[in-house]
C-alpha atoms as a PDB file:
ATOM      1  CA  MET A   1       5.163   8.966  12.101  1.00  0.00           C
ATOM      2  CA  ALA A   2       2.174  10.131  10.253  1.00  0.00           C
ATOM      3  CA  ASP A   3       3.903   9.928   7.046  1.00  0.00           C
ATOM      4  CA  LEU A   4       5.068   6.675   7.523  1.00  0.00           C
ATOM      5  CA  LEU A   5       1.768   5.196   8.474  1.00  0.00           C
ATOM      6  CA  ASP A   6       0.275   6.715   5.279  1.00  0.00           C
ATOM      7  CA  GLN A   7       2.933   5.073   3.302  1.00  0.00           C
ATOM      8  CA  PHE A   8       2.178   1.688   5.135  1.00  0.00           C
ATOM      9  CA  LEU A   9      -1.495   1.909   4.471  1.00  0.00           C
ATOM     10  CA  ALA A  10      -0.965   2.755   0.888  1.00  0.00           C
ATOM     11  CA  TYR A  11       1.274  -0.015   0.542  1.00  0.00           C
ATOM     12  CA  THR A  12      -1.268  -2.586   2.150  1.00  0.00           C
ATOM     13  CA  GLY A  13      -4.058  -1.333   0.013  1.00  0.00           C
ATOM     14  CA  VAL A  14      -2.232  -1.011  -3.430  1.00  0.00           C
ATOM     15  CA  GLU A  15       0.712  -3.182  -3.491  1.00  0.00           C
ATOM     16  CA  ARG A  16      -0.494  -5.953  -1.253  1.00  0.00           C
ATOM     17  CA  GLY A  17      -4.147  -5.529  -2.615  1.00  0.00           C
ATOM     18  CA  LEU A  18      -5.691  -6.068   0.881  1.00  0.00           C
ATOM     19  CA  ALA A  19      -9.408  -5.485   1.370  1.00  0.00           C
ATOM     20  CA  PRO A  20     -10.483  -2.127   2.474  1.00  0.00           C
ATOM     21  CA  ALA A  21     -11.955  -3.477   5.432  1.00  0.00           C
ATOM     22  CA  THR A  22      -8.432  -4.759   6.442  1.00  0.00           C
ATOM     23  CA  VAL A  23      -6.877  -1.511   5.723  1.00  0.00           C
ATOM     24  CA  LYS A  24      -9.214   0.211   7.708  1.00  0.00           C
ATOM     25  CA  ALA A  25      -8.521  -2.114  10.696  1.00  0.00           C
ATOM     26  CA  TYR A  26      -4.789  -1.498  10.247  1.00  0.00           C
ATOM     27  CA  ARG A  27      -5.534   2.345  10.218  1.00  0.00           C
ATOM     28  CA  SER A  28      -7.544   2.167  13.480  1.00  0.00           C
ATOM     29  CA  ASP A  29      -5.016   0.053  15.249  1.00  0.00           C
ATOM     30  CA  LEU A  30      -2.058   1.888  14.245  1.00  0.00           C
ATOM     31  CA  THR A  31      -3.393   5.232  14.833  1.00  0.00           C
ATOM     32  CA  MET A  32      -4.145   4.160  18.395  1.00  0.00           C
ATOM     33  CA  TYR A  33      -0.488   2.892  18.675  1.00  0.00           C
ATOM     34  CA  ALA A  34       0.977   6.065  17.385  1.00  0.00           C
ATOM     35  CA  GLY A  35      -1.200   8.315  19.693  1.00  0.00           C
ATOM     36  CA  TRP A  36      -0.262   5.980  22.585  1.00  0.00           C
ATOM     37  CA  LEU A  37       3.547   6.568  21.471  1.00  0.00           C
ATOM     38  CA  ALA A  38       2.898  10.281  21.164  1.00  0.00           C
ATOM     39  CA  ASP A  39       1.509  10.671  24.605  1.00  0.00           C
ATOM     40  CA  ARG A  40       4.736   8.923  26.045  1.00  0.00           C
ATOM     41  CA  GLY A  41       6.787  11.625  24.043  1.00  0.00           C
ATOM     42  CA  ILE A  42       7.939   9.160  21.221  1.00  0.00           C
ATOM     43  CA  ARG A  43       7.440  10.965  17.803  1.00  0.00           C
ATOM     44  CA  SER A  44       9.286   8.409  15.509  1.00  0.00           C
ATOM     45  CA  LEU A  45       9.324   4.716  15.216  1.00  0.00           C
ATOM     46  CA  ASP A  46      13.249   4.701  15.387  1.00  0.00           C
ATOM     47  CA  GLN A  47      12.775   6.104  19.270  1.00  0.00           C
ATOM     48  CA  VAL A  48      10.647   2.975  20.148  1.00  0.00           C
ATOM     49  CA  GLY A  49      12.111   0.362  22.057  1.00  0.00           C
ATOM     50  CA  LYS A  50      10.930  -3.324  22.761  1.00  0.00           C
ATOM     51  CA  ASP A  51      10.004  -2.276  26.247  1.00  0.00           C
ATOM     52  CA  ASP A  52       7.558   0.384  24.538  1.00  0.00           C
ATOM     53  CA  VAL A  53       5.741  -2.233  22.598  1.00  0.00           C
ATOM     54  CA  GLU A  54       5.286  -4.570  25.683  1.00  0.00           C
ATOM     55  CA  ALA A  55       4.021  -1.594  27.554  1.00  0.00           C
ATOM     56  CA  PHE A  56       1.576  -0.666  24.986  1.00  0.00           C
ATOM     57  CA  LEU A  57       0.381  -4.460  25.030  1.00  0.00           C
ATOM     58  CA  ALA A  58       0.091  -4.107  28.720  1.00  0.00           C
ATOM     59  CA  TRP A  59      -2.022  -1.064  28.175  1.00  0.00           C
ATOM     60  CA  LEU A  60      -4.452  -3.153  26.077  1.00  0.00           C
ATOM     61  CA  SER A  61      -5.017  -5.656  28.984  1.00  0.00           C
ATOM     62  CA  SER A  62      -8.592  -4.727  29.414  1.00  0.00           C
ATOM     63  CA  GLU A  63      -9.351  -5.956  25.920  1.00  0.00           C
ATOM     64  CA  SER A  64      -9.961  -9.341  24.708  1.00  0.00           C
ATOM     65  CA  SER A  65      -7.017 -11.616  23.624  1.00  0.00           C
ATOM     66  CA  ALA A  66      -8.328 -11.576  20.158  1.00  0.00           C
ATOM     67  CA  SER A  67      -8.325  -7.975  19.873  1.00  0.00           C
ATOM     68  CA  ARG A  68      -4.798  -7.597  21.523  1.00  0.00           C
ATOM     69  CA  SER A  69      -3.350 -10.116  19.110  1.00  0.00           C
ATOM     70  CA  ARG A  70      -4.841  -8.237  16.159  1.00  0.00           C
ATOM     71  CA  ARG A  71      -3.522  -4.887  17.254  1.00  0.00           C
ATOM     72  CA  LEU A  72      -0.105  -6.414  18.031  1.00  0.00           C
ATOM     73  CA  ALA A  73      -0.056  -8.150  14.410  1.00  0.00           C
ATOM     74  CA  ALA A  74      -0.593  -4.600  12.878  1.00  0.00           C
ATOM     75  CA  VAL A  75       2.169  -3.177  15.114  1.00  0.00           C
ATOM     76  CA  HIS A  76       4.358  -6.205  13.854  1.00  0.00           C
ATOM     77  CA  GLU A  77       3.570  -5.350  10.293  1.00  0.00           C
ATOM     78  CA  TRP A  78       4.276  -1.682  10.610  1.00  0.00           C
ATOM     79  CA  HIS A  79       7.721  -2.046  12.206  1.00  0.00           C
ATOM     80  CA  ARG A  80       8.436  -4.756   9.448  1.00  0.00           C
ATOM     81  CA  PHE A  81       7.389  -2.287   6.736  1.00  0.00           C
ATOM     82  CA  ALA A  82       9.539   0.392   8.555  1.00  0.00           C
ATOM     83  CA  LEU A  83      12.548  -1.704   8.409  1.00  0.00           C
ATOM     84  CA  GLN A  84      12.099  -2.587   4.895  1.00  0.00           C
ATOM     85  CA  GLN A  85      12.087   1.174   4.224  1.00  0.00           C
ATOM     86  CA  GLY A  86      14.983   1.979   6.141  1.00  0.00           C
ATOM     87  CA  ALA A  87      13.091   4.208   8.308  1.00  0.00           C
ATOM     88  CA  ILE A  88      14.385   2.145  11.414  1.00  0.00           C
ATOM     89  CA  GLN A  89      17.591   0.159  12.094  1.00  0.00           C
ATOM     90  CA  GLU A  90      15.869  -2.708  14.076  1.00  0.00           C
ATOM     91  CA  ASP A  91      12.350  -4.207  14.565  1.00  0.00           C
ATOM     92  CA  VAL A  92      12.015  -4.194  18.155  1.00  0.00           C
ATOM     93  CA  SER A  93       8.554  -5.422  17.971  1.00  0.00           C
ATOM     94  CA  ARG A  94       9.739  -8.816  16.633  1.00  0.00           C
ATOM     95  CA  GLY A  95      10.196 -10.570  19.892  1.00  0.00           C
ATOM     96  CA  VAL A  96       6.978  -9.278  21.596  1.00  0.00           C
ATOM     97  CA  ARG A  97       4.126 -12.008  21.591  1.00  0.00           C
ATOM     98  CA  ALA A  98       0.520 -11.549  22.661  1.00  0.00           C
ATOM     99  CA  PRO A  99      -0.750 -13.653  25.803  1.00  0.00           C
ATOM    100  CA  LYS A 100      -2.493 -16.666  24.652  1.00  0.00           C
ATOM    101  CA  GLY A 101      -6.286 -16.358  25.596  1.00  0.00           C
ATOM    102  CA  VAL A 102      -8.685 -19.135  26.301  1.00  0.00           C
ATOM    103  CA  SER A 103      -9.485 -20.517  22.850  1.00  0.00           C
ATOM    104  CA  SER A 104     -13.294 -20.814  22.296  1.00  0.00           C
ATOM    105  CA  LEU A 105     -15.135 -23.382  19.880  1.00  0.00           C
ATOM    106  CA  PRO A 106     -17.438 -21.837  17.159  1.00  0.00           C
ATOM    107  CA  ASP A 107     -21.127 -21.721  17.524  1.00  0.00           C
ATOM    108  CA  VAL A 108     -22.313 -25.047  15.848  1.00  0.00           C
ATOM    109  CA  LEU A 109     -25.653 -26.531  15.270  1.00  0.00           C
ATOM    110  CA  THR A 110     -26.256 -30.330  15.190  1.00  0.00           C
ATOM    111  CA  VAL A 111     -27.470 -31.666  11.911  1.00  0.00           C
ATOM    112  CA  ASP A 112     -30.909 -32.150  13.304  1.00  0.00           C
ATOM    113  CA  GLN A 113     -30.916 -28.465  14.512  1.00  0.00           C
ATOM    114  CA  VAL A 114     -29.837 -27.165  10.880  1.00  0.00           C
ATOM    115  CA  ALA A 115     -32.697 -29.465   9.459  1.00  0.00           C
ATOM    116  CA  GLY A 116     -35.100 -27.953  11.852  1.00  0.00           C
ATOM    117  CA  LEU A 117     -33.934 -24.411  10.988  1.00  0.00           C
ATOM    118  CA  LEU A 118     -34.357 -24.911   7.410  1.00  0.00           C
ATOM    119  CA  ASP A 119     -37.791 -26.490   7.799  1.00  0.00           C
ATOM    120  CA  ALA A 120     -38.741 -23.528   9.899  1.00  0.00           C
ATOM    121  CA  ALA A 121     -37.740 -21.106   7.316  1.00  0.00           C
ATOM    122  CA  ALA A 122     -39.860 -22.826   4.746  1.00  0.00           C
ATOM    123  CA  MET A 123     -42.960 -22.077   6.699  1.00  0.00           C
ATOM    124  CA  GLY A 124     -44.721 -25.255   5.950  1.00  0.00           C
ATOM    125  CA  GLY A 125     -44.044 -25.063   2.121  1.00  0.00           C
ATOM    126  CA  SER A 126     -45.607 -21.536   1.580  1.00  0.00           C
ATOM    127  CA  LYS A 127     -45.085 -20.043  -1.690  1.00  0.00           C
ATOM    128  CA  ASP A 128     -44.976 -16.735  -0.410  1.00  0.00           C
ATOM    129  CA  PRO A 129     -41.931 -14.880  -2.172  1.00  0.00           C
ATOM    130  CA  VAL A 130     -40.528 -13.757   1.122  1.00  0.00           C
ATOM    131  CA  VAL A 131     -40.631 -17.350   2.424  1.00  0.00           C
ATOM    132  CA  LEU A 132     -39.062 -18.798  -0.743  1.00  0.00           C
ATOM    133  CA  ARG A 133     -36.284 -16.193  -0.518  1.00  0.00           C
ATOM    134  CA  ASP A 134     -35.748 -16.951   3.143  1.00  0.00           C
ATOM    135  CA  LYS A 135     -35.541 -20.913   2.578  1.00  0.00           C
ATOM    136  CA  ALA A 136     -33.332 -20.574  -0.493  1.00  0.00           C
ATOM    137  CA  LEU A 137     -31.040 -18.091   1.393  1.00  0.00           C
ATOM    138  CA  LEU A 138     -30.568 -20.336   4.572  1.00  0.00           C
ATOM    139  CA  GLU A 139     -30.292 -23.541   2.382  1.00  0.00           C
ATOM    140  CA  PHE A 140     -27.562 -21.747   0.166  1.00  0.00           C
ATOM    141  CA  MET A 141     -25.587 -20.513   3.169  1.00  0.00           C
ATOM    142  CA  TYR A 142     -25.448 -23.925   4.726  1.00  0.00           C
ATOM    143  CA  ALA A 143     -24.748 -25.527   1.404  1.00  0.00           C
ATOM    144  CA  THR A 144     -21.819 -23.300   0.614  1.00  0.00           C
ATOM    145  CA  GLY A 145     -20.508 -22.124   4.075  1.00  0.00           C
ATOM    146  CA  CYS A 146     -20.473 -18.704   2.629  1.00  0.00           C
ATOM    147  CA  ARG A 147     -19.867 -15.490   4.559  1.00  0.00           C
ATOM    148  CA  VAL A 148     -23.046 -13.535   4.937  1.00  0.00           C
ATOM    149  CA  SER A 149     -21.154 -10.779   2.608  1.00  0.00           C
ATOM    150  CA  GLU A 150     -20.636 -13.302   0.001  1.00  0.00           C
ATOM    151  CA  ALA A 151     -24.295 -14.467  -0.067  1.00  0.00           C
ATOM    152  CA  VAL A 152     -25.832 -11.033  -0.397  1.00  0.00           C
ATOM    153  CA  GLY A 153     -23.080 -10.052  -3.030  1.00  0.00           C
ATOM    154  CA  THR A 154     -23.941 -13.302  -5.122  1.00  0.00           C
ATOM    155  CA  ASP A 155     -25.262 -12.227  -8.828  1.00  0.00           C
ATOM    156  CA  LEU A 156     -27.284 -14.287 -11.074  1.00  0.00           C
ATOM    157  CA  ASP A 157     -24.462 -14.879 -13.091  1.00  0.00           C
ATOM    158  CA  ASP A 158     -22.383 -16.381 -10.286  1.00  0.00           C
ATOM    159  CA  LEU A 159     -24.700 -19.271 -10.155  1.00  0.00           C
ATOM    160  CA  ASP A 160     -24.802 -22.407 -12.346  1.00  0.00           C
ATOM    161  CA  LEU A 161     -27.603 -24.680 -10.878  1.00  0.00           C
ATOM    162  CA  ASP A 162     -27.171 -27.190 -13.799  1.00  0.00           C
ATOM    163  CA  GLU A 163     -23.609 -27.851 -12.701  1.00  0.00           C
ATOM    164  CA  HIS A 164     -24.524 -27.284  -8.911  1.00  0.00           C
ATOM    165  CA  VAL A 165     -21.764 -24.707  -8.495  1.00  0.00           C
ATOM    166  CA  VAL A 166     -21.526 -21.062  -7.440  1.00  0.00           C
ATOM    167  CA  ARG A 167     -18.741 -18.534  -7.829  1.00  0.00           C
ATOM    168  CA  LEU A 168     -18.224 -16.666  -4.573  1.00  0.00           C
ATOM    169  CA  THR A 169     -16.310 -13.474  -3.978  1.00  0.00           C
ATOM    170  CA  GLY A 170     -14.613 -13.360  -0.690  1.00  0.00           C
ATOM    171  CA  LYS A 171     -12.127 -11.056   1.386  1.00  0.00           C
ATOM    172  CA  GLY A 172      -9.650  -9.130  -1.031  1.00  0.00           C
ATOM    173  CA  ASP A 173     -12.107  -9.933  -3.953  1.00  0.00           C
ATOM    174  CA  LYS A 174     -10.620 -13.363  -4.029  1.00  0.00           C
ATOM    175  CA  GLN A 175     -12.964 -15.766  -5.993  1.00  0.00           C
ATOM    176  CA  ARG A 176     -13.531 -19.423  -5.516  1.00  0.00           C
ATOM    177  CA  LEU A 177     -15.849 -22.047  -7.034  1.00  0.00           C
ATOM    178  CA  VAL A 178     -18.027 -23.974  -4.374  1.00  0.00           C
ATOM    179  CA  PRO A 179     -20.554 -26.822  -4.888  1.00  0.00           C
ATOM    180  CA  VAL A 180     -24.147 -26.325  -4.149  1.00  0.00           C
ATOM    181  CA  GLY A 181     -26.057 -29.215  -2.805  1.00  0.00           C
ATOM    182  CA  SER A 182     -29.052 -30.647  -4.318  1.00  0.00           C
ATOM    183  CA  TYR A 183     -31.376 -29.436  -1.464  1.00  0.00           C
ATOM    184  CA  ALA A 184     -30.108 -25.758  -1.815  1.00  0.00           C
ATOM    185  CA  CYS A 185     -30.531 -26.008  -5.701  1.00  0.00           C
ATOM    186  CA  ARG A 186     -34.183 -26.950  -5.482  1.00  0.00           C
ATOM    187  CA  ALA A 187     -34.745 -24.225  -3.033  1.00  0.00           C
ATOM    188  CA  LEU A 188     -33.075 -21.658  -5.238  1.00  0.00           C
ATOM    189  CA  GLU A 189     -35.005 -22.897  -8.395  1.00  0.00           C
ATOM    190  CA  SER A 190     -38.148 -22.379  -6.665  1.00  0.00           C
ATOM    191  CA  TYR A 191     -37.323 -18.864  -5.420  1.00  0.00           C
ATOM    192  CA  LEU A 192     -35.757 -17.766  -8.585  1.00  0.00           C
ATOM    193  CA  ASN A 193     -38.823 -19.074 -10.717  1.00  0.00           C
ATOM    194  CA  LEU A 194     -41.718 -18.075  -8.402  1.00  0.00           C
ATOM    195  CA  GLY A 195     -40.479 -15.760  -5.645  1.00  0.00           C
ATOM    196  CA  ARG A 196     -37.754 -13.474  -7.034  1.00  0.00           C
ATOM    197  CA  PRO A 197     -39.729 -12.069 -10.239  1.00  0.00           C
ATOM    198  CA  ASP A 198     -42.374 -10.822  -7.776  1.00  0.00           C
ATOM    199  CA  LEU A 199     -39.805  -9.212  -5.470  1.00  0.00           C
ATOM    200  CA  GLN A 200     -38.119  -7.602  -8.360  1.00  0.00           C
ATOM    201  CA  GLY A 201     -41.459  -6.183  -9.566  1.00  0.00           C
ATOM    202  CA  ARG A 202     -41.886  -4.271  -6.274  1.00  0.00           C
ATOM    203  CA  ALA A 203     -38.880  -1.911  -6.914  1.00  0.00           C
ATOM    204  CA  SER A 204     -40.470   1.400  -7.193  1.00  0.00           C
ATOM    205  CA  LYS A 205     -37.611   2.572  -9.405  1.00  0.00           C
ATOM    206  CA  GLY A 206     -34.459   1.000 -10.728  1.00  0.00           C
ATOM    207  CA  ARG A 207     -35.032  -2.712 -10.734  1.00  0.00           C
ATOM    208  CA  GLU A 208     -31.971  -4.935  -9.370  1.00  0.00           C
ATOM    209  CA  PRO A 209     -30.972  -7.157 -12.411  1.00  0.00           C
ATOM    210  CA  SER A 210     -28.264  -9.042 -10.958  1.00  0.00           C
ATOM    211  CA  ALA A 211     -28.593  -9.643  -7.256  1.00  0.00           C
ATOM    212  CA  VAL A 212     -29.833 -13.048  -6.375  1.00  0.00           C
ATOM    213  CA  PHE A 213     -31.286 -12.180  -3.171  1.00  0.00           C
ATOM    214  CA  LEU A 214     -33.787  -9.387  -3.083  1.00  0.00           C
ATOM    215  CA  ASN A 215     -35.529  -7.394  -0.025  1.00  0.00           C
ATOM    216  CA  LYS A 216     -39.319  -6.824   0.084  1.00  0.00           C
ATOM    217  CA  ARG A 217     -38.766  -3.575  -1.968  1.00  0.00           C
ATOM    218  CA  GLY A 218     -36.916  -5.294  -4.799  1.00  0.00           C
ATOM    219  CA  LYS A 219     -33.480  -4.075  -3.779  1.00  0.00           C
ATOM    220  CA  ARG A 220     -30.294  -6.323  -2.896  1.00  0.00           C
ATOM    221  CA  LEU A 221     -30.705  -7.906   0.466  1.00  0.00           C
ATOM    222  CA  THR A 222     -28.637  -6.489   3.238  1.00  0.00           C
ATOM    223  CA  ARG A 223     -26.262  -8.071   5.710  1.00  0.00           C
ATOM    224  CA  GLN A 224     -28.542  -6.710   8.582  1.00  0.00           C
ATOM    225  CA  SER A 225     -31.598  -8.156   6.903  1.00  0.00           C
ATOM    226  CA  VAL A 226     -29.882 -11.706   6.725  1.00  0.00           C
ATOM    227  CA  TRP A 227     -28.984 -11.506  10.444  1.00  0.00           C
ATOM    228  CA  GLN A 228     -32.653 -11.181  11.110  1.00  0.00           C
ATOM    229  CA  ILE A 229     -33.806 -13.891   8.847  1.00  0.00           C
ATOM    230  CA  VAL A 230     -31.485 -16.356  10.665  1.00  0.00           C
ATOM    231  CA  ARG A 231     -32.528 -15.231  14.119  1.00  0.00           C
ATOM    232  CA  ASP A 232     -36.375 -15.337  13.280  1.00  0.00           C
ATOM    233  CA  ALA A 233     -35.977 -18.957  11.666  1.00  0.00           C
ATOM    234  CA  GLY A 234     -34.017 -19.996  14.814  1.00  0.00           C
ATOM    235  CA  GLU A 235     -36.811 -18.897  17.095  1.00  0.00           C
ATOM    236  CA  ARG A 236     -39.504 -20.533  15.054  1.00  0.00           C
ATOM    237  CA  ALA A 237     -37.274 -23.809  15.160  1.00  0.00           C
ATOM    238  CA  GLY A 238     -37.242 -23.706  18.765  1.00  0.00           C
ATOM    239  CA  ILE A 239     -33.603 -23.212  19.185  1.00  0.00           C
ATOM    240  CA  GLN A 240     -32.794 -21.808  22.660  1.00  0.00           C
ATOM    241  CA  ARG A 241     -30.003 -19.293  21.741  1.00  0.00           C
ATOM    242  CA  PRO A 242     -29.559 -16.355  19.445  1.00  0.00           C
ATOM    243  CA  LEU A 243     -28.129 -17.284  16.123  1.00  0.00           C
ATOM    244  CA  HIS A 244     -26.099 -15.337  13.493  1.00  0.00           C
ATOM    245  CA  PRO A 245     -25.262 -15.956   9.908  1.00  0.00           C
ATOM    246  CA  HIS A 246     -21.813 -17.314  10.737  1.00  0.00           C
ATOM    247  CA  THR A 247     -23.459 -20.174  12.768  1.00  0.00           C
ATOM    248  CA  LEU A 248     -24.412 -21.754   9.483  1.00  0.00           C
ATOM    249  CA  ARG A 249     -20.781 -21.453   8.264  1.00  0.00           C
ATOM    250  CA  HIS A 250     -19.534 -22.897  11.426  1.00  0.00           C
ATOM    251  CA  SER A 251     -21.992 -25.746  11.190  1.00  0.00           C
ATOM    252  CA  PHE A 252     -21.063 -26.355   7.397  1.00  0.00           C
ATOM    253  CA  ALA A 253     -17.503 -26.614   8.224  1.00  0.00           C
ATOM    254  CA  THR A 254     -17.819 -28.844  11.324  1.00  0.00           C
ATOM    255  CA  HIS A 255     -20.294 -31.191   9.500  1.00  0.00           C
ATOM    256  CA  LEU A 256     -18.108 -31.655   6.688  1.00  0.00           C
ATOM    257  CA  ILE A 257     -14.928 -32.401   9.101  1.00  0.00           C
ATOM    258  CA  GLU A 258     -17.093 -34.773  11.087  1.00  0.00           C
ATOM    259  CA  GLY A 259     -18.189 -36.443   7.704  1.00  0.00           C
ATOM    260  CA  GLY A 260     -14.777 -37.268   6.839  1.00  0.00           C
ATOM    261  CA  ALA A 261     -13.461 -34.224   4.660  1.00  0.00           C
ATOM    262  CA  ASP A 262     -10.014 -33.240   5.109  1.00  0.00           C
ATOM    263  CA  VAL A 263      -9.012 -29.919   6.498  1.00  0.00           C
ATOM    264  CA  ARG A 264      -7.366 -28.764   3.272  1.00  0.00           C
ATOM    265  CA  SER A 265     -10.558 -29.058   1.317  1.00  0.00           C
ATOM    266  CA  VAL A 266     -12.768 -27.451   3.971  1.00  0.00           C
ATOM    267  CA  GLN A 267     -10.033 -24.510   3.969  1.00  0.00           C
ATOM    268  CA  GLU A 268     -10.535 -24.064   0.185  1.00  0.00           C
ATOM    269  CA  LEU A 269     -14.352 -24.234   0.653  1.00  0.00           C
ATOM    270  CA  LEU A 270     -14.340 -21.583   3.260  1.00  0.00           C
ATOM    271  CA  GLY A 271     -11.901 -19.378   1.338  1.00  0.00           C
ATOM    272  CA  HIS A 272      -9.450 -19.337   4.283  1.00  0.00           C
ATOM    273  CA  SER A 273      -6.243 -17.986   3.365  1.00  0.00           C
ATOM    274  CA  SER A 274      -4.407 -20.231   6.143  1.00  0.00           C
ATOM    275  CA  VAL A 275      -5.102 -23.705   7.108  1.00  0.00           C
ATOM    276  CA  THR A 276      -4.632 -22.589  10.759  1.00  0.00           C
ATOM    277  CA  THR A 277      -7.898 -20.842  10.514  1.00  0.00           C
ATOM    278  CA  THR A 278      -9.747 -23.938   9.647  1.00  0.00           C
ATOM    279  CA  GLN A 279      -8.330 -26.065  12.197  1.00  0.00           C
ATOM    280  CA  ILE A 280     -10.547 -24.965  14.689  1.00  0.00           C
ATOM    281  CA  TYR A 281     -13.261 -27.014  13.131  1.00  0.00           C
ATOM    282  CA  THR A 282     -11.371 -30.176  13.793  1.00  0.00           C
ATOM    283  CA  HIS A 283     -12.772 -30.204  17.316  1.00  0.00           C
ATOM    284  CA  VAL A 284     -15.078 -33.207  18.113  1.00  0.00           C
ATOM    285  CA  SER A 285     -17.471 -33.813  20.709  1.00  0.00           C
ATOM    286  CA  PRO A 286     -16.693 -35.823  23.877  1.00  0.00           C
ATOM    287  CA  GLN A 287     -18.961 -38.575  22.600  1.00  0.00           C
ATOM    288  CA  GLY A 288     -17.100 -38.559  19.261  1.00  0.00           C
ATOM    289  CA  LEU A 289     -13.789 -38.828  21.500  1.00  0.00           C
ATOM    290  CA  ILE A 290     -15.170 -41.802  23.159  1.00  0.00           C
ATOM    291  CA  GLU A 291     -16.244 -43.680  19.983  1.00  0.00           C
ATOM    292  CA  ALA A 292     -12.939 -42.950  18.213  1.00  0.00           C
ATOM    293  CA  TYR A 293     -11.116 -44.359  21.465  1.00  0.00           C
ATOM    294  CA  GLN A 294     -13.347 -47.465  21.535  1.00  0.00           C
ATOM    295  CA  THR A 295     -12.863 -47.981  17.685  1.00  0.00           C
ATOM    296  CA  ALA A 296      -9.307 -47.450  17.341  1.00  0.00           C
ATOM    297  CA  HIS A 297      -7.520 -48.521  20.601  1.00  0.00           C
ATOM    298  CA  PRO A 298      -6.552 -52.233  20.822  1.00  0.00           C
ATOM    299  CA  ARG A 299      -7.470 -52.658  24.555  1.00  0.00           C
ATOM    300  CA  ALA A 300     -10.544 -50.340  24.871  1.00  0.00           C
ATOM    301  CA  LEU A 301     -13.163 -53.042  24.920  1.00  0.00           C
END
């Protein structure tokens, strides 16, 4: 099984061009699966039966439904690959499905809460380079719905503030153009003109010529730093729950949907490969349901 697993990982990384993080997740999940099979005396995938796959899924019962679904998806992919390679005669995993868990809605701020968060990041209009950076960063993340990795990975050449667009590089190095709103553009211009040169000058050696967002030492900002910036701004804004960078991404998508954007457009803006992932943002509040009912139903009022 080890050789077949190596072949599969090489296939996903080279031929399919999946992101290194995805290949790493496949390796972790399938190493667990292969080890579990070995403990049962199964040394080859052609010895695996459907009941074995079901037993493996049952063994994972203490994990969250999302984790079980991910691990089972990896098992499906490996068995499908083995069938294509002629290593097995039948994909016994095909009929095994993970139990559905309780779906949870993403953590979303209201429009007013986002405004409060962004105002808190501005610190009363301070011209301190770090404050200018934090304000520009949060405005940028809410304006584009980018992932935290995309924000810290953005280079100066990716930005076109004249055209109000940015080129984001997402999972699997896939690139997309995303509009940047006027509020974010103004915050970025202030930071790039007044804040970034100061931060860049703080680098003790080897200045960072390309990164948009720099830390206090003049180096590219890290994802961990972005988490802290978001949490600090949330505390100053009086938001009574811990925030994370994806909160801005969730809020971006939800506010677009609520504003009338279609799901396909939001999918493109978020860089989702499947519209199914985007559809979670089509949820609406109970008040929204009541308003829609009263507006649309002929005998509601």
